[in-house]
C-alpha atoms as a PDB file:
ATOM      1  CA  VAL A   1      -4.891  -1.875  -1.090  1.00  0.00           C
ATOM      2  CA  GLN A   2      -7.264   1.056  -1.333  1.00  0.00           C
ATOM      3  CA  LEU A   3      -7.767   3.896  -3.795  1.00  0.00           C
ATOM      4  CA  VAL A   4     -10.069   6.741  -2.789  1.00  0.00           C
ATOM      5  CA  GLU A   5     -11.104   9.297  -5.405  1.00  0.00           C
ATOM      6  CA  SER A   6     -12.445  12.768  -4.711  1.00  0.00           C
ATOM      7  CA  GLY A   7     -13.119  16.011  -6.541  1.00  0.00           C
ATOM      8  CA  GLY A   8     -15.922  15.105  -8.898  1.00  0.00           C
ATOM      9  CA  GLY A   9     -19.001  17.223  -9.349  1.00  0.00           C
ATOM     10  CA  LEU A  10     -21.099  19.340 -11.650  1.00  0.00           C
ATOM     11  CA  VAL A  11     -19.353  21.941 -13.809  1.00  0.00           C
ATOM     12  CA  GLN A  12     -20.385  24.095 -16.740  1.00  0.00           C
ATOM     13  CA  PRO A  13     -18.884  23.588 -20.185  1.00  0.00           C
ATOM     14  CA  GLY A  14     -15.517  25.297 -20.363  1.00  0.00           C
ATOM     15  CA  GLY A  15     -14.989  24.907 -16.637  1.00  0.00           C
ATOM     16  CA  SER A  16     -12.339  23.064 -14.651  1.00  0.00           C
ATOM     17  CA  LEU A  17     -12.157  20.336 -12.044  1.00  0.00           C
ATOM     18  CA  THR A  18      -9.333  18.548 -10.294  1.00  0.00           C
ATOM     19  CA  LEU A  19      -9.706  14.922  -9.298  1.00  0.00           C
ATOM     20  CA  SER A  20      -7.574  13.354  -6.582  1.00  0.00           C
ATOM     21  CA  CYS A  21      -6.867   9.721  -5.795  1.00  0.00           C
ATOM     22  CA  ALA A  22      -5.229   8.765  -2.522  1.00  0.00           C
ATOM     23  CA  ALA A  23      -3.606   5.346  -2.421  1.00  0.00           C
ATOM     24  CA  SER A  24      -2.815   3.155   0.557  1.00  0.00           C
ATOM     25  CA  GLY A  25      -1.438  -0.319   0.991  1.00  0.00           C
ATOM     26  CA  ILE A  26       0.925  -0.239  -1.993  1.00  0.00           C
ATOM     27  CA  ASN A  27       4.465   0.869  -2.727  1.00  0.00           C
ATOM     28  CA  PHE A  28       3.029   3.877  -4.505  1.00  0.00           C
ATOM     29  CA  ASN A  29       6.290   5.091  -6.029  1.00  0.00           C
ATOM     30  CA  ILE A  30       6.610   2.130  -8.424  1.00  0.00           C
ATOM     31  CA  TYR A  31       3.005   1.769  -9.549  1.00  0.00           C
ATOM     32  CA  VAL A  32       1.653   3.118 -12.802  1.00  0.00           C
ATOM     33  CA  MET A  33      -1.306   5.270 -11.840  1.00  0.00           C
ATOM     34  CA  GLY A  34      -4.129   6.061 -14.211  1.00  0.00           C
ATOM     35  CA  TRP A  35      -7.493   7.668 -14.691  1.00  0.00           C
ATOM     36  CA  TYR A  36     -10.221   5.944 -16.664  1.00  0.00           C
ATOM     37  CA  ARG A  37     -13.801   6.926 -17.317  1.00  0.00           C
ATOM     38  CA  GLN A  38     -17.071   5.297 -18.204  1.00  0.00           C
ATOM     39  CA  ALA A  39     -20.000   7.172 -19.664  1.00  0.00           C
ATOM     40  CA  PRO A  40     -23.535   5.732 -19.610  1.00  0.00           C
ATOM     41  CA  GLY A  41     -23.908   2.998 -22.215  1.00  0.00           C
ATOM     42  CA  LYS A  42     -20.211   3.066 -23.126  1.00  0.00           C
ATOM     43  CA  GLN A  43     -17.178   0.987 -22.304  1.00  0.00           C
ATOM     44  CA  ARG A  44     -14.615   2.146 -19.792  1.00  0.00           C
ATOM     45  CA  GLU A  45     -11.796   3.999 -21.535  1.00  0.00           C
ATOM     46  CA  GLY A  46      -8.366   5.212 -20.579  1.00  0.00           C
ATOM     47  CA  VAL A  47      -7.971   8.934 -19.995  1.00  0.00           C
ATOM     48  CA  ALA A  48      -4.414   9.356 -18.734  1.00  0.00           C
ATOM     49  CA  THR A  49      -1.666   7.387 -17.031  1.00  0.00           C
ATOM     50  CA  ILE A  50       1.585   8.287 -15.302  1.00  0.00           C
ATOM     51  CA  THR A  51       4.529   6.105 -14.376  1.00  0.00           C
ATOM     52  CA  GLY A  52       6.520   6.270 -11.182  1.00  0.00           C
ATOM     53  CA  GLY A  53       9.039   8.290 -13.147  1.00  0.00           C
ATOM     54  CA  HIS A  54       6.343  10.813 -14.098  1.00  0.00           C
ATOM     55  CA  ILE A  55       6.049   9.768 -17.736  1.00  0.00           C
ATOM     56  CA  GLY A  56       2.522  10.499 -18.877  1.00  0.00           C
ATOM     57  CA  TRP A  57       0.160   9.223 -21.548  1.00  0.00           C
ATOM     58  CA  TYR A  58      -3.093  10.855 -22.638  1.00  0.00           C
ATOM     59  CA  ALA A  59      -6.056   9.836 -24.722  1.00  0.00           C
ATOM     60  CA  GLU A  60      -6.318  11.936 -27.877  1.00  0.00           C
ATOM     61  CA  SER A  61      -9.675  13.294 -26.750  1.00  0.00           C
ATOM     62  CA  VAL A  62      -8.165  14.992 -23.678  1.00  0.00           C
ATOM     63  CA  LYS A  63      -4.709  16.027 -24.893  1.00  0.00           C
ATOM     64  CA  GLY A  64      -4.074  19.685 -24.229  1.00  0.00           C
ATOM     65  CA  ARG A  65      -6.987  19.907 -21.781  1.00  0.00           C
ATOM     66  CA  PHE A  66      -6.195  17.394 -19.030  1.00  0.00           C
ATOM     67  CA  THR A  67      -3.004  17.021 -16.985  1.00  0.00           C
ATOM     68  CA  ILE A  68      -2.118  14.026 -14.861  1.00  0.00           C
ATOM     69  CA  SER A  69       0.379  14.392 -12.028  1.00  0.00           C
ATOM     70  CA  ARG A  70       1.446  12.541  -8.941  1.00  0.00           C
ATOM     71  CA  ASP A  71       2.899  13.361  -5.535  1.00  0.00           C
ATOM     72  CA  ASN A  72       4.812  10.283  -4.414  1.00  0.00           C
ATOM     73  CA  ALA A  73       5.324  11.771  -0.946  1.00  0.00           C
ATOM     74  CA  LYS A  74       1.543  11.951  -0.481  1.00  0.00           C
ATOM     75  CA  ASN A  75       0.689   8.712  -2.338  1.00  0.00           C
ATOM     76  CA  THR A  76      -1.722  10.737  -4.441  1.00  0.00           C
ATOM     77  CA  VAL A  77      -2.396  11.119  -8.151  1.00  0.00           C
ATOM     78  CA  TYR A  78      -4.277  14.053  -9.641  1.00  0.00           C
ATOM     79  CA  LEU A  79      -6.166  14.797 -12.818  1.00  0.00           C
ATOM     80  CA  GLN A  80      -6.487  18.480 -13.664  1.00  0.00           C
ATOM     81  CA  MET A  81      -9.299  18.890 -16.178  1.00  0.00           C
ATOM     82  CA  ASN A  82      -9.688  22.158 -18.062  1.00  0.00           C
ATOM     83  CA  SER A  83     -11.966  23.270 -20.887  1.00  0.00           C
ATOM     84  CA  LEU A  84     -14.436  20.589 -19.962  1.00  0.00           C
ATOM     85  CA  LYS A  85     -16.972  19.475 -22.534  1.00  0.00           C
ATOM     86  CA  PRO A  86     -20.334  17.727 -22.120  1.00  0.00           C
ATOM     87  CA  GLU A  87     -18.769  14.619 -23.652  1.00  0.00           C
ATOM     88  CA  ASP A  88     -16.384  14.455 -20.683  1.00  0.00           C
ATOM     89  CA  THR A  89     -19.358  13.528 -18.504  1.00  0.00           C
ATOM     90  CA  ALA A  90     -18.659  10.117 -16.960  1.00  0.00           C
ATOM     91  CA  VAL A  91     -17.720   8.260 -13.826  1.00  0.00           C
ATOM     92  CA  TYR A  92     -13.970   8.636 -13.428  1.00  0.00           C
ATOM     93  CA  TYR A  93     -12.003   5.776 -11.900  1.00  0.00           C
ATOM     94  CA  CYS A  94      -8.516   5.737 -10.458  1.00  0.00           C
ATOM     95  CA  ASN A  95      -6.318   2.723 -11.188  1.00  0.00           C
ATOM     96  CA  ALA A  96      -3.043   1.412  -9.826  1.00  0.00           C
ATOM     97  CA  ILE A  97      -1.165  -1.285 -11.714  1.00  0.00           C
ATOM     98  CA  HIS A  98       2.205  -2.858 -10.968  1.00  0.00           C
ATOM     99  CA  PRO A  99       4.601  -2.177 -13.873  1.00  0.00           C
ATOM    100  CA  VAL A 100       5.700  -5.832 -14.040  1.00  0.00           C
ATOM    101  CA  PHE A 101       2.992  -7.949 -12.408  1.00  0.00           C
ATOM    102  CA  GLU A 102      -0.085  -6.645 -14.252  1.00  0.00           C
ATOM    103  CA  SER A 103      -2.414  -8.899 -12.276  1.00  0.00           C
ATOM    104  CA  ASP A 104      -1.643  -6.593  -9.349  1.00  0.00           C
ATOM    105  CA  ASN A 105      -4.287  -4.127 -10.439  1.00  0.00           C
ATOM    106  CA  THR A 106      -6.605  -2.088  -8.211  1.00  0.00           C
ATOM    107  CA  TRP A 107      -9.551   0.219  -8.980  1.00  0.00           C
ATOM    108  CA  GLY A 108     -11.115   2.982  -6.962  1.00  0.00           C
ATOM    109  CA  GLN A 109     -14.843   3.308  -6.425  1.00  0.00           C
ATOM    110  CA  GLY A 110     -15.256   6.083  -8.991  1.00  0.00           C
ATOM    111  CA  THR A 111     -16.319   9.716  -8.857  1.00  0.00           C
ATOM    112  CA  GLN A 112     -18.988  11.323 -11.016  1.00  0.00           C
ATOM    113  CA  VAL A 113     -18.090  14.224 -13.292  1.00  0.00           C
ATOM    114  CA  THR A 114     -20.988  15.973 -14.996  1.00  0.00           C
ATOM    115  CA  VAL A 115     -20.430  18.747 -17.522  1.00  0.00           C
ATOM    116  CA  SER A 116     -23.655  20.577 -18.205  1.00  0.00           C
ATOM    117  CA  SER A 117     -25.091  24.054 -18.398  1.00  0.00           C
END
């Protein structure tokens, strides 16, 4: 099982970025896919998740600014991030978890997002 994130980078406040996570080695359609982030000195926190049936959940801090989506044909999940704020700066991790067997849980290597002027 492998998750490979891409799309991170440096962006100015108010800007946008789209993160991608390509999955391999799993039956992608049934897995709950998610984005998490970890800022320096803080615990990892959930940002957004999406079920195989495209039901999404968002952290309050990103509601209305971030959109999670998935393309089951491409085994890829996306995180569209708009109106970025300096407090969104973190390493963003992709996660895949089986909806029933939660021990079947895989993380990507992470991609850095820095919001700064």
